[in-house]
Amino acid sequence: MTYVDGFVLPIPKDKVEVYRKISSDAGKLWKEHGALAYYECVADDVKTGEVTSFPQAVKLQENETVVFAWILFRSREHRDEVNAKVMKDPRLKMDPAEMPMDMKRMIYGGFQSIVEL
């Protein structure tokens, strides 16, 4: 079974293209260092729920949208190895002060796959 790092984050709508460039460059590094797949997706059919939802989870503000992203690995050990390499790579440009979003509202975590079809 594979391992997934998952992310949900708010992005100002007028910064989606800036974020696309940053995430595209970052994704190339993750893939180069061994990640099996790298996805960044912008909300298309995401509604605010009555109890909880993606917009509520990231405290979505006016003129923002939600990004749902994940990186696929062979295992947690593989994830740890790949992430260590990426974090040491001098080409990685992920200074929180320069990011086009509020990193404090990002939700992320590692997940062990339990069903793969």
PDB file of N, CA and C in Angstrom:
ATOM      1  N   MET A   1       0.830  -1.187   0.000  1.00  0.00           N
ATOM      2  CA  MET A   1       0.000   0.000   0.000  1.00  0.00           C
ATOM      3  C   MET A   1       0.877   1.254   0.000  1.00  0.00           C
ATOM      4  N   THR A   2       0.389   2.298  -0.635  1.00  0.00           N
ATOM      5  CA  THR A   2       1.148   3.539  -0.747  1.00  0.00           C
ATOM      6  C   THR A   2       0.907   4.458   0.452  1.00  0.00           C
ATOM      7  N   TYR A   3       1.660   5.542   0.468  1.00  0.00           N
ATOM      8  CA  TYR A   3       1.575   6.549   1.517  1.00  0.00           C
ATOM      9  C   TYR A   3       1.338   7.897   0.849  1.00  0.00           C
ATOM     10  N   VAL A   4       0.501   8.737   1.447  1.00  0.00           N
ATOM     11  CA  VAL A   4       0.128  10.021   0.852  1.00  0.00           C
ATOM     12  C   VAL A   4       0.359  11.146   1.843  1.00  0.00           C
ATOM     13  N   ASP A   5       1.011  12.209   1.398  1.00  0.00           N
ATOM     14  CA  ASP A   5       1.020  13.473   2.122  1.00  0.00           C
ATOM     15  C   ASP A   5      -0.099  14.298   1.506  1.00  0.00           C
ATOM     16  N   GLY A   6      -1.032  14.760   2.337  1.00  0.00           N
ATOM     17  CA  GLY A   6      -2.170  15.523   1.843  1.00  0.00           C
ATOM     18  C   GLY A   6      -2.178  16.932   2.398  1.00  0.00           C
ATOM     19  N   PHE A   7      -2.694  17.862   1.605  1.00  0.00           N
ATOM     20  CA  PHE A   7      -2.705  19.278   1.955  1.00  0.00           C
ATOM     21  C   PHE A   7      -4.018  19.922   1.525  1.00  0.00           C
ATOM     22  N   VAL A   8      -4.536  20.819   2.335  1.00  0.00           N
ATOM     23  CA  VAL A   8      -5.666  21.670   1.973  1.00  0.00           C
ATOM     24  C   VAL A   8      -5.276  23.077   2.406  1.00  0.00           C
ATOM     25  N   LEU A   9      -5.384  24.041   1.494  1.00  0.00           N
ATOM     26  CA  LEU A   9      -4.953  25.390   1.826  1.00  0.00           C
ATOM     27  C   LEU A   9      -5.744  26.432   1.056  1.00  0.00           C
ATOM     28  N   PRO A  10      -5.862  27.629   1.647  1.00  0.00           N
ATOM     29  CA  PRO A  10      -6.542  28.724   0.958  1.00  0.00           C
ATOM     30  C   PRO A  10      -5.551  29.507   0.104  1.00  0.00           C
ATOM     31  N   ILE A  11      -6.008  29.930  -1.073  1.00  0.00           N
ATOM     32  CA  ILE A  11      -5.186  30.739  -1.982  1.00  0.00           C
ATOM     33  C   ILE A  11      -6.018  31.928  -2.444  1.00  0.00           C
ATOM     34  N   PRO A  12      -5.480  33.131  -2.387  1.00  0.00           N
ATOM     35  CA  PRO A  12      -6.208  34.257  -2.987  1.00  0.00           C
ATOM     36  C   PRO A  12      -6.438  33.967  -4.476  1.00  0.00           C
ATOM     37  N   LYS A  13      -7.647  34.211  -4.945  1.00  0.00           N
ATOM     38  CA  LYS A  13      -7.972  33.906  -6.342  1.00  0.00           C
ATOM     39  C   LYS A  13      -7.029  34.592  -7.313  1.00  0.00           C
ATOM     40  N   ASP A  14      -6.583  35.792  -6.979  1.00  0.00           N
ATOM     41  CA  ASP A  14      -5.688  36.504  -7.894  1.00  0.00           C
ATOM     42  C   ASP A  14      -4.235  36.026  -7.796  1.00  0.00           C
ATOM     43  N   LYS A  15      -3.973  35.038  -6.942  1.00  0.00           N
ATOM     44  CA  LYS A  15      -2.615  34.488  -6.787  1.00  0.00           C
ATOM     45  C   LYS A  15      -2.529  33.028  -7.249  1.00  0.00           C
ATOM     46  N   VAL A  16      -3.596  32.514  -7.843  1.00  0.00           N
ATOM     47  CA  VAL A  16      -3.596  31.106  -8.269  1.00  0.00           C
ATOM     48  C   VAL A  16      -2.478  30.832  -9.274  1.00  0.00           C
ATOM     49  N   GLU A  17      -2.269  31.719 -10.220  1.00  0.00           N
ATOM     50  CA  GLU A  17      -1.215  31.491 -11.218  1.00  0.00           C
ATOM     51  C   GLU A  17       0.176  31.543 -10.589  1.00  0.00           C
ATOM     52  N   VAL A  18       0.377  32.433  -9.633  1.00  0.00           N
ATOM     53  CA  VAL A  18       1.651  32.497  -8.911  1.00  0.00           C
ATOM     54  C   VAL A  18       1.858  31.181  -8.168  1.00  0.00           C
ATOM     55  N   TYR A  19       0.808  30.709  -7.498  1.00  0.00           N
ATOM     56  CA  TYR A  19       0.894  29.450  -6.763  1.00  0.00           C
ATOM     57  C   TYR A  19       1.141  28.282  -7.717  1.00  0.00           C
ATOM     58  N   ARG A  20       0.500  28.295  -8.887  1.00  0.00           N
ATOM     59  CA  ARG A  20       0.682  27.227  -9.868  1.00  0.00           C
ATOM     60  C   ARG A  20       2.169  27.113 -10.256  1.00  0.00           C
ATOM     61  N   LYS A  21       2.826  28.230 -10.446  1.00  0.00           N
ATOM     62  CA  LYS A  21       4.251  28.220 -10.796  1.00  0.00           C
ATOM     63  C   LYS A  21       5.090  27.651  -9.649  1.00  0.00           C
ATOM     64  N   ILE A  22       4.830  28.130  -8.437  1.00  0.00           N
ATOM     65  CA  ILE A  22       5.575  27.639  -7.271  1.00  0.00           C
ATOM     66  C   ILE A  22       5.365  26.135  -7.098  1.00  0.00           C
ATOM     67  N   SER A  23       4.112  25.693  -7.170  1.00  0.00           N
ATOM     68  CA  SER A  23       3.836  24.276  -6.950  1.00  0.00           C
ATOM     69  C   SER A  23       4.336  23.411  -8.097  1.00  0.00           C
ATOM     70  N   SER A  24       4.325  23.926  -9.308  1.00  0.00           N
ATOM     71  CA  SER A  24       4.866  23.171 -10.440  1.00  0.00           C
ATOM     72  C   SER A  24       6.367  22.947 -10.270  1.00  0.00           C
ATOM     73  N   ASP A  25       7.074  23.997  -9.871  1.00  0.00           N
ATOM     74  CA  ASP A  25       8.516  23.866  -9.629  1.00  0.00           C
ATOM     75  C   ASP A  25       8.785  22.906  -8.467  1.00  0.00           C
ATOM     76  N   ALA A  26       8.001  23.030  -7.393  1.00  0.00           N
ATOM     77  CA  ALA A  26       8.174  22.143  -6.241  1.00  0.00           C
ATOM     78  C   ALA A  26       7.858  20.705  -6.619  1.00  0.00           C
ATOM     79  N   GLY A  27       6.787  20.502  -7.369  1.00  0.00           N
ATOM     80  CA  GLY A  27       6.412  19.151  -7.789  1.00  0.00           C
ATOM     81  C   GLY A  27       7.495  18.467  -8.599  1.00  0.00           C
ATOM     82  N   LYS A  28       8.161  19.228  -9.447  1.00  0.00           N
ATOM     83  CA  LYS A  28       9.268  18.651 -10.232  1.00  0.00           C
ATOM     84  C   LYS A  28      10.377  18.156  -9.318  1.00  0.00           C
ATOM     85  N   LEU A  29      10.646  18.900  -8.249  1.00  0.00           N
ATOM     86  CA  LEU A  29      11.677  18.460  -7.289  1.00  0.00           C
ATOM     87  C   LEU A  29      11.240  17.187  -6.571  1.00  0.00           C
ATOM     88  N   TRP A  30       9.978  17.141  -6.104  1.00  0.00           N
ATOM     89  CA  TRP A  30       9.499  15.936  -5.419  1.00  0.00           C
ATOM     90  C   TRP A  30       9.601  14.726  -6.345  1.00  0.00           C
ATOM     91  N   LYS A  31       9.185  14.896  -7.588  1.00  0.00           N
ATOM     92  CA  LYS A  31       9.257  13.779  -8.545  1.00  0.00           C
ATOM     93  C   LYS A  31      10.712  13.388  -8.818  1.00  0.00           C
ATOM     94  N   GLU A  32      11.574  14.366  -8.995  1.00  0.00           N
ATOM     95  CA  GLU A  32      12.995  14.093  -9.240  1.00  0.00           C
ATOM     96  C   GLU A  32      13.614  13.301  -8.091  1.00  0.00           C
ATOM     97  N   HIS A  33      13.180  13.599  -6.872  1.00  0.00           N
ATOM     98  CA  HIS A  33      13.743  12.935  -5.695  1.00  0.00           C
ATOM     99  C   HIS A  33      13.004  11.650  -5.331  1.00  0.00           C
ATOM    100  N   GLY A  34      12.017  11.244  -6.148  1.00  0.00           N
ATOM    101  CA  GLY A  34      11.439   9.922  -5.957  1.00  0.00           C
ATOM    102  C   GLY A  34       9.951   9.822  -5.694  1.00  0.00           C
ATOM    103  N   ALA A  35       9.238  10.924  -5.521  1.00  0.00           N
ATOM    104  CA  ALA A  35       7.787  10.825  -5.317  1.00  0.00           C
ATOM    105  C   ALA A  35       7.148  10.148  -6.525  1.00  0.00           C
ATOM    106  N   LEU A  36       6.136   9.331  -6.283  1.00  0.00           N
ATOM    107  CA  LEU A  36       5.470   8.609  -7.360  1.00  0.00           C
ATOM    108  C   LEU A  36       4.522   9.504  -8.148  1.00  0.00           C
ATOM    109  N   ALA A  37       3.881  10.455  -7.466  1.00  0.00           N
ATOM    110  CA  ALA A  37       2.944  11.373  -8.121  1.00  0.00           C
ATOM    111  C   ALA A  37       2.831  12.640  -7.281  1.00  0.00           C
ATOM    112  N   TYR A  38       2.466  13.726  -7.942  1.00  0.00           N
ATOM    113  CA  TYR A  38       2.342  15.032  -7.278  1.00  0.00           C
ATOM    114  C   TYR A  38       1.151  15.744  -7.910  1.00  0.00           C
ATOM    115  N   TYR A  39       0.160  16.117  -7.106  1.00  0.00           N
ATOM    116  CA  TYR A  39      -1.045  16.774  -7.605  1.00  0.00           C
ATOM    117  C   TYR A  39      -1.348  18.035  -6.810  1.00  0.00           C
ATOM    118  N   GLU A  40      -1.762  19.074  -7.518  1.00  0.00           N
ATOM    119  CA  GLU A  40      -2.266  20.312  -6.917  1.00  0.00           C
ATOM    120  C   GLU A  40      -3.560  20.633  -7.666  1.00  0.00           C
ATOM    121  N   CYS A  41      -4.655  20.743  -6.935  1.00  0.00           N
ATOM    122  CA  CYS A  41      -5.965  20.946  -7.558  1.00  0.00           C
ATOM    123  C   CYS A  41      -6.661  22.148  -6.927  1.00  0.00           C
ATOM    124  N   VAL A  42      -7.274  22.986  -7.767  1.00  0.00           N
ATOM    125  CA  VAL A  42      -7.990  24.159  -7.273  1.00  0.00           C
ATOM    126  C   VAL A  42      -9.488  23.840  -7.246  1.00  0.00           C
ATOM    127  N   ALA A  43     -10.180  24.357  -6.241  1.00  0.00           N
ATOM    128  CA  ALA A  43     -11.604  24.078  -6.054  1.00  0.00           C
ATOM    129  C   ALA A  43     -12.409  24.429  -7.293  1.00  0.00           C
ATOM    130  N   ASP A  44     -13.328  23.552  -7.639  1.00  0.00           N
ATOM    131  CA  ASP A  44     -14.221  23.768  -8.767  1.00  0.00           C
ATOM    132  C   ASP A  44     -15.675  23.599  -8.322  1.00  0.00           C
ATOM    133  N   ASP A  45     -15.937  22.579  -7.522  1.00  0.00           N
ATOM    134  CA  ASP A  45     -17.285  22.308  -7.035  1.00  0.00           C
ATOM    135  C   ASP A  45     -17.193  22.041  -5.533  1.00  0.00           C
ATOM    136  N   VAL A  46     -16.914  23.091  -4.776  1.00  0.00           N
ATOM    137  CA  VAL A  46     -16.699  22.988  -3.333  1.00  0.00           C
ATOM    138  C   VAL A  46     -17.612  24.000  -2.651  1.00  0.00           C
ATOM    139  N   LYS A  47     -18.496  23.497  -1.835  1.00  0.00           N
ATOM    140  CA  LYS A  47     -19.457  24.367  -1.160  1.00  0.00           C
ATOM    141  C   LYS A  47     -19.172  24.424   0.337  1.00  0.00           C
ATOM    142  N   THR A  48     -19.612  25.491   0.961  1.00  0.00           N
ATOM    143  CA  THR A  48     -19.513  25.613   2.408  1.00  0.00           C
ATOM    144  C   THR A  48     -20.602  24.746   3.026  1.00  0.00           C
ATOM    145  N   GLY A  49     -20.206  23.905   3.956  1.00  0.00           N
ATOM    146  CA  GLY A  49     -21.153  22.993   4.583  1.00  0.00           C
ATOM    147  C   GLY A  49     -21.865  23.610   5.769  1.00  0.00           C
ATOM    148  N   GLU A  50     -22.809  22.850   6.309  1.00  0.00           N
ATOM    149  CA  GLU A  50     -23.517  23.296   7.502  1.00  0.00           C
ATOM    150  C   GLU A  50     -22.680  23.057   8.756  1.00  0.00           C
ATOM    151  N   VAL A  51     -21.914  21.955   8.770  1.00  0.00           N
ATOM    152  CA  VAL A  51     -21.115  21.610   9.937  1.00  0.00           C
ATOM    153  C   VAL A  51     -19.624  21.781   9.658  1.00  0.00           C
ATOM    154  N   THR A  52     -19.185  21.236   8.531  1.00  0.00           N
ATOM    155  CA  THR A  52     -17.776  21.364   8.159  1.00  0.00           C
ATOM    156  C   THR A  52     -17.635  21.237   6.644  1.00  0.00           C
ATOM    157  N   SER A  53     -16.532  21.723   6.130  1.00  0.00           N
ATOM    158  CA  SER A  53     -16.268  21.675   4.691  1.00  0.00           C
ATOM    159  C   SER A  53     -14.834  22.140   4.457  1.00  0.00           C
ATOM    160  N   PHE A  54     -14.370  21.997   3.236  1.00  0.00           N
ATOM    161  CA  PHE A  54     -13.044  22.520   2.911  1.00  0.00           C
ATOM    162  C   PHE A  54     -12.960  24.029   3.186  1.00  0.00           C
ATOM    163  N   PRO A  55     -13.916  24.840   2.718  1.00  0.00           N
ATOM    164  CA  PRO A  55     -13.827  26.281   3.013  1.00  0.00           C
ATOM    165  C   PRO A  55     -13.789  26.588   4.512  1.00  0.00           C
ATOM    166  N   GLN A  56     -14.606  25.887   5.287  1.00  0.00           N
ATOM    167  CA  GLN A  56     -14.612  26.127   6.724  1.00  0.00           C
ATOM    168  C   GLN A  56     -13.306  25.670   7.369  1.00  0.00           C
ATOM    169  N   ALA A  57     -12.762  24.575   6.897  1.00  0.00           N
ATOM    170  CA  ALA A  57     -11.542  24.018   7.491  1.00  0.00           C
ATOM    171  C   ALA A  57     -10.365  24.988   7.395  1.00  0.00           C
ATOM    172  N   VAL A  58     -10.289  25.748   6.290  1.00  0.00           N
ATOM    173  CA  VAL A  58      -9.172  26.685   6.102  1.00  0.00           C
ATOM    174  C   VAL A  58      -9.577  28.130   6.392  1.00  0.00           C
ATOM    175  N   LYS A  59     -10.769  28.302   6.963  1.00  0.00           N
ATOM    176  CA  LYS A  59     -11.282  29.641   7.279  1.00  0.00           C
ATOM    177  C   LYS A  59     -11.220  30.543   6.042  1.00  0.00           C
ATOM    178  N   LEU A  60     -11.782  30.007   4.957  1.00  0.00           N
ATOM    179  CA  LEU A  60     -11.750  30.699   3.666  1.00  0.00           C
ATOM    180  C   LEU A  60     -12.308  32.107   3.778  1.00  0.00           C
ATOM    181  N   GLN A  61     -11.587  33.064   3.204  1.00  0.00           N
ATOM    182  CA  GLN A  61     -11.998  34.454   3.204  1.00  0.00           C
ATOM    183  C   GLN A  61     -12.493  34.842   1.820  1.00  0.00           C
ATOM    184  N   GLU A  62     -13.146  35.990   1.768  1.00  0.00           N
ATOM    185  CA  GLU A  62     -13.646  36.491   0.488  1.00  0.00           C
ATOM    186  C   GLU A  62     -12.483  36.608  -0.498  1.00  0.00           C
ATOM    187  N   ASN A  63     -12.742  36.283  -1.734  1.00  0.00           N
ATOM    188  CA  ASN A  63     -11.739  36.343  -2.812  1.00  0.00           C
ATOM    189  C   ASN A  63     -10.633  35.304  -2.668  1.00  0.00           C
ATOM    190  N   GLU A  64     -10.905  34.220  -1.943  1.00  0.00           N
ATOM    191  CA  GLU A  64      -9.970  33.088  -1.863  1.00  0.00           C
ATOM    192  C   GLU A  64     -10.642  31.847  -2.426  1.00  0.00           C
ATOM    193  N   THR A  65      -9.828  30.878  -2.787  1.00  0.00           N
ATOM    194  CA  THR A  65     -10.298  29.571  -3.203  1.00  0.00           C
ATOM    195  C   THR A  65      -9.492  28.524  -2.445  1.00  0.00           C
ATOM    196  N   VAL A  66      -9.911  27.276  -2.556  1.00  0.00           N
ATOM    197  CA  VAL A  66      -9.258  26.182  -1.840  1.00  0.00           C
ATOM    198  C   VAL A  66      -8.413  25.362  -2.814  1.00  0.00           C
ATOM    199  N   VAL A  67      -7.221  24.987  -2.349  1.00  0.00           N
ATOM    200  CA  VAL A  67      -6.373  24.048  -3.075  1.00  0.00           C
ATOM    201  C   VAL A  67      -6.325  22.748  -2.282  1.00  0.00           C
ATOM    202  N   PHE A  68      -6.488  21.645  -2.990  1.00  0.00           N
ATOM    203  CA  PHE A  68      -6.395  20.299  -2.424  1.00  0.00           C
ATOM    204  C   PHE A  68      -5.223  19.646  -3.143  1.00  0.00           C
ATOM    205  N   ALA A  69      -4.241  19.190  -2.384  1.00  0.00           N
ATOM    206  CA  ALA A  69      -3.023  18.659  -3.005  1.00  0.00           C
ATOM    207  C   ALA A  69      -2.585  17.385  -2.308  1.00  0.00           C
ATOM    208  N   TRP A  70      -1.869  16.549  -3.053  1.00  0.00           N
ATOM    209  CA  TRP A  70      -1.302  15.358  -2.439  1.00  0.00           C
ATOM    210  C   TRP A  70      -0.071  14.892  -3.198  1.00  0.00           C
ATOM    211  N   ILE A  71       0.794  14.210  -2.453  1.00  0.00           N
ATOM    212  CA  ILE A  71       2.011  13.629  -3.013  1.00  0.00           C
ATOM    213  C   ILE A  71       1.981  12.152  -2.655  1.00  0.00           C
ATOM    214  N   LEU A  72       2.245  11.303  -3.628  1.00  0.00           N
ATOM    215  CA  LEU A  72       2.169   9.855  -3.451  1.00  0.00           C
ATOM    216  C   LEU A  72       3.562   9.247  -3.318  1.00  0.00           C
ATOM    217  N   PHE A  73       3.707   8.340  -2.333  1.00  0.00           N
ATOM    218  CA  PHE A  73       4.978   7.656  -2.054  1.00  0.00           C
ATOM    219  C   PHE A  73       4.745   6.153  -1.923  1.00  0.00           C
ATOM    220  N   ARG A  74       5.826   5.376  -1.979  1.00  0.00           N
ATOM    221  CA  ARG A  74       5.731   3.920  -1.804  1.00  0.00           C
ATOM    222  C   ARG A  74       5.368   3.548  -0.372  1.00  0.00           C
ATOM    223  N   SER A  75       5.864   4.311   0.600  1.00  0.00           N
ATOM    224  CA  SER A  75       5.672   4.002   2.018  1.00  0.00           C
ATOM    225  C   SER A  75       6.001   5.253   2.832  1.00  0.00           C
ATOM    226  N   ARG A  76       5.751   5.186   4.134  1.00  0.00           N
ATOM    227  CA  ARG A  76       6.125   6.323   4.984  1.00  0.00           C
ATOM    228  C   ARG A  76       7.642   6.498   4.986  1.00  0.00           C
ATOM    229  N   GLU A  77       8.371   5.403   5.015  1.00  0.00           N
ATOM    230  CA  GLU A  77       9.832   5.486   4.986  1.00  0.00           C
ATOM    231  C   GLU A  77      10.302   6.163   3.703  1.00  0.00           C
ATOM    232  N   HIS A  78       9.689   5.789   2.578  1.00  0.00           N
ATOM    233  CA  HIS A  78      10.019   6.402   1.297  1.00  0.00           C
ATOM    234  C   HIS A  78       9.693   7.893   1.336  1.00  0.00           C
ATOM    235  N   ARG A  79       8.532   8.248   1.919  1.00  0.00           N
ATOM    236  CA  ARG A  79       8.160   9.656   2.061  1.00  0.00           C
ATOM    237  C   ARG A  79       9.216  10.412   2.843  1.00  0.00           C
ATOM    238  N   ASP A  80       9.652   9.847   3.973  1.00  0.00           N
ATOM    239  CA  ASP A  80      10.639  10.519   4.810  1.00  0.00           C
ATOM    240  C   ASP A  80      11.953  10.725   4.064  1.00  0.00           C
ATOM    241  N   GLU A  81      12.365   9.730   3.283  1.00  0.00           N
ATOM    242  CA  GLU A  81      13.606   9.835   2.496  1.00  0.00           C
ATOM    243  C   GLU A  81      13.476  10.923   1.429  1.00  0.00           C
ATOM    244  N   VAL A  82      12.376  10.886   0.676  1.00  0.00           N
ATOM    245  CA  VAL A  82      12.167  11.864  -0.398  1.00  0.00           C
ATOM    246  C   VAL A  82      12.069  13.273   0.178  1.00  0.00           C
ATOM    247  N   ASN A  83      11.277  13.448   1.235  1.00  0.00           N
ATOM    248  CA  ASN A  83      11.115  14.784   1.813  1.00  0.00           C
ATOM    249  C   ASN A  83      12.436  15.326   2.347  1.00  0.00           C
ATOM    250  N   ALA A  84      13.267  14.469   2.930  1.00  0.00           N
ATOM    251  CA  ALA A  84      14.575  14.915   3.427  1.00  0.00           C
ATOM    252  C   ALA A  84      15.426  15.435   2.265  1.00  0.00           C
ATOM    253  N   LYS A  85      15.401  14.733   1.138  1.00  0.00           N
ATOM    254  CA  LYS A  85      16.165  15.167  -0.035  1.00  0.00           C
ATOM    255  C   LYS A  85      15.633  16.494  -0.581  1.00  0.00           C
ATOM    256  N   VAL A  86      14.317  16.605  -0.661  1.00  0.00           N
ATOM    257  CA  VAL A  86      13.713  17.832  -1.184  1.00  0.00           C
ATOM    258  C   VAL A  86      14.062  19.022  -0.292  1.00  0.00           C
ATOM    259  N   MET A  87      13.953  18.840   1.016  1.00  0.00           N
ATOM    260  CA  MET A  87      14.215  19.943   1.940  1.00  0.00           C
ATOM    261  C   MET A  87      15.672  20.407   1.893  1.00  0.00           C
ATOM    262  N   LYS A  88      16.579  19.526   1.506  1.00  0.00           N
ATOM    263  CA  LYS A  88      17.998  19.889   1.385  1.00  0.00           C
ATOM    264  C   LYS A  88      18.337  20.465   0.014  1.00  0.00           C
ATOM    265  N   ASP A  89      17.427  20.340  -0.935  1.00  0.00           N
ATOM    266  CA  ASP A  89      17.688  20.786  -2.304  1.00  0.00           C
ATOM    267  C   ASP A  89      17.689  22.316  -2.347  1.00  0.00           C
ATOM    268  N   PRO A  90      18.788  22.947  -2.767  1.00  0.00           N
ATOM    269  CA  PRO A  90      18.861  24.410  -2.790  1.00  0.00           C
ATOM    270  C   PRO A  90      17.894  25.054  -3.789  1.00  0.00           C
ATOM    271  N   ARG A  91      17.345  24.274  -4.700  1.00  0.00           N
ATOM    272  CA  ARG A  91      16.394  24.821  -5.675  1.00  0.00           C
ATOM    273  C   ARG A  91      15.003  25.019  -5.082  1.00  0.00           C
ATOM    274  N   LEU A  92      14.731  24.422  -3.932  1.00  0.00           N
ATOM    275  CA  LEU A  92      13.415  24.550  -3.307  1.00  0.00           C
ATOM    276  C   LEU A  92      13.228  25.983  -2.818  1.00  0.00           C
ATOM    277  N   LYS A  93      12.187  26.618  -3.295  1.00  0.00           N
ATOM    278  CA  LYS A  93      11.875  28.003  -2.922  1.00  0.00           C
ATOM    279  C   LYS A  93      10.543  28.007  -2.190  1.00  0.00           C
ATOM    280  N   MET A  94      10.587  27.817  -0.868  1.00  0.00           N
ATOM    281  CA  MET A  94       9.343  27.770  -0.098  1.00  0.00           C
ATOM    282  C   MET A  94       9.447  28.622   1.164  1.00  0.00           C
ATOM    283  N   ASP A  95       9.972  29.821   1.024  1.00  0.00           N
ATOM    284  CA  ASP A  95      10.046  30.740   2.148  1.00  0.00           C
ATOM    285  C   ASP A  95       8.626  31.179   2.494  1.00  0.00           C
ATOM    286  N   PRO A  96       8.151  30.873   3.718  1.00  0.00           N
ATOM    287  CA  PRO A  96       6.774  31.236   4.081  1.00  0.00           C
ATOM    288  C   PRO A  96       6.466  32.717   3.876  1.00  0.00           C
ATOM    289  N   ALA A  97       7.442  33.576   4.052  1.00  0.00           N
ATOM    290  CA  ALA A  97       7.220  35.019   3.879  1.00  0.00           C
ATOM    291  C   ALA A  97       6.953  35.380   2.418  1.00  0.00           C
ATOM    292  N   GLU A  98       7.372  34.533   1.491  1.00  0.00           N
ATOM    293  CA  GLU A  98       7.193  34.810   0.070  1.00  0.00           C
ATOM    294  C   GLU A  98       6.052  34.013  -0.559  1.00  0.00           C
ATOM    295  N   MET A  99       5.374  33.204   0.223  1.00  0.00           N
ATOM    296  CA  MET A  99       4.287  32.395  -0.320  1.00  0.00           C
ATOM    297  C   MET A  99       3.043  33.251  -0.546  1.00  0.00           C
ATOM    298  N   PRO A 100       2.270  32.946  -1.587  1.00  0.00           N
ATOM    299  CA  PRO A 100       1.090  33.758  -1.915  1.00  0.00           C
ATOM    300  C   PRO A 100      -0.146  33.406  -1.095  1.00  0.00           C
ATOM    301  N   MET A 101       0.040  32.778   0.070  1.00  0.00           N
ATOM    302  CA  MET A 101      -1.098  32.401   0.892  1.00  0.00           C
ATOM    303  C   MET A 101      -0.715  32.420   2.362  1.00  0.00           C
ATOM    304  N   ASP A 102      -1.720  32.283   3.211  1.00  0.00           N
ATOM    305  CA  ASP A 102      -1.527  32.254   4.660  1.00  0.00           C
ATOM    306  C   ASP A 102      -1.218  30.811   5.064  1.00  0.00           C
ATOM    307  N   MET A 103       0.056  30.523   5.283  1.00  0.00           N
ATOM    308  CA  MET A 103       0.499  29.163   5.609  1.00  0.00           C
ATOM    309  C   MET A 103      -0.086  28.664   6.934  1.00  0.00           C
ATOM    310  N   LYS A 104      -0.487  29.569   7.815  1.00  0.00           N
ATOM    311  CA  LYS A 104      -1.042  29.155   9.108  1.00  0.00           C
ATOM    312  C   LYS A 104      -2.392  28.463   8.954  1.00  0.00           C
ATOM    313  N   ARG A 105      -3.054  28.694   7.823  1.00  0.00           N
ATOM    314  CA  ARG A 105      -4.364  28.079   7.602  1.00  0.00           C
ATOM    315  C   ARG A 105      -4.279  26.815   6.745  1.00  0.00           C
ATOM    316  N   MET A 106      -3.075  26.384   6.422  1.00  0.00           N
ATOM    317  CA  MET A 106      -2.893  25.147   5.661  1.00  0.00           C
ATOM    318  C   MET A 106      -3.072  23.949   6.590  1.00  0.00           C
ATOM    319  N   ILE A 107      -3.751  22.930   6.091  1.00  0.00           N
ATOM    320  CA  ILE A 107      -3.927  21.673   6.818  1.00  0.00           C
ATOM    321  C   ILE A 107      -3.127  20.623   6.060  1.00  0.00           C
ATOM    322  N   TYR A 108      -2.346  19.828   6.779  1.00  0.00           N
ATOM    323  CA  TYR A 108      -1.554  18.801   6.098  1.00  0.00           C
ATOM    324  C   TYR A 108      -1.312  17.629   7.027  1.00  0.00           C
ATOM    325  N   GLY A 109      -0.979  16.509   6.427  1.00  0.00           N
ATOM    326  CA  GLY A 109      -0.662  15.322   7.213  1.00  0.00           C
ATOM    327  C   GLY A 109      -0.303  14.159   6.309  1.00  0.00           C
ATOM    328  N   GLY A 110       0.224  13.113   6.913  1.00  0.00           N
ATOM    329  CA  GLY A 110       0.583  11.889   6.202  1.00  0.00           C
ATOM    330  C   GLY A 110      -0.474  10.823   6.426  1.00  0.00           C
ATOM    331  N   PHE A 111      -0.780  10.067   5.373  1.00  0.00           N
ATOM    332  CA  PHE A 111      -1.852   9.088   5.416  1.00  0.00           C
ATOM    333  C   PHE A 111      -1.405   7.750   4.831  1.00  0.00           C
ATOM    334  N   GLN A 112      -1.691   6.700   5.558  1.00  0.00           N
ATOM    335  CA  GLN A 112      -1.436   5.343   5.077  1.00  0.00           C
ATOM    336  C   GLN A 112      -2.638   4.901   4.262  1.00  0.00           C
ATOM    337  N   SER A 113      -2.394   4.444   3.062  1.00  0.00           N
ATOM    338  CA  SER A 113      -3.475   3.969   2.195  1.00  0.00           C
ATOM    339  C   SER A 113      -4.075   2.694   2.789  1.00  0.00           C
ATOM    340  N   ILE A 114      -5.415   2.600   2.779  1.00  0.00           N
ATOM    341  CA  ILE A 114      -6.076   1.385   3.260  1.00  0.00           C
ATOM    342  C   ILE A 114      -6.894   0.699   2.159  1.00  0.00           C
ATOM    343  N   VAL A 115      -7.184   1.427   1.071  1.00  0.00           N
ATOM    344  CA  VAL A 115      -7.864   0.849  -0.081  1.00  0.00           C
ATOM    345  C   VAL A 115      -7.222   1.419  -1.325  1.00  0.00           C
ATOM    346  N   GLU A 116      -6.845   0.546  -2.247  1.00  0.00           N
ATOM    347  CA  GLU A 116      -6.313   0.966  -3.544  1.00  0.00           C
ATOM    348  C   GLU A 116      -6.962   0.107  -4.607  1.00  0.00           C
ATOM    349  N   LEU A 117      -7.686   0.726  -5.516  1.00  0.00           N
ATOM    350  CA  LEU A 117      -8.386  -0.014  -6.569  1.00  0.00           C
ATOM    351  C   LEU A 117      -7.881   0.406  -7.931  1.00  0.00           C
TER     352      LEU A 117
END
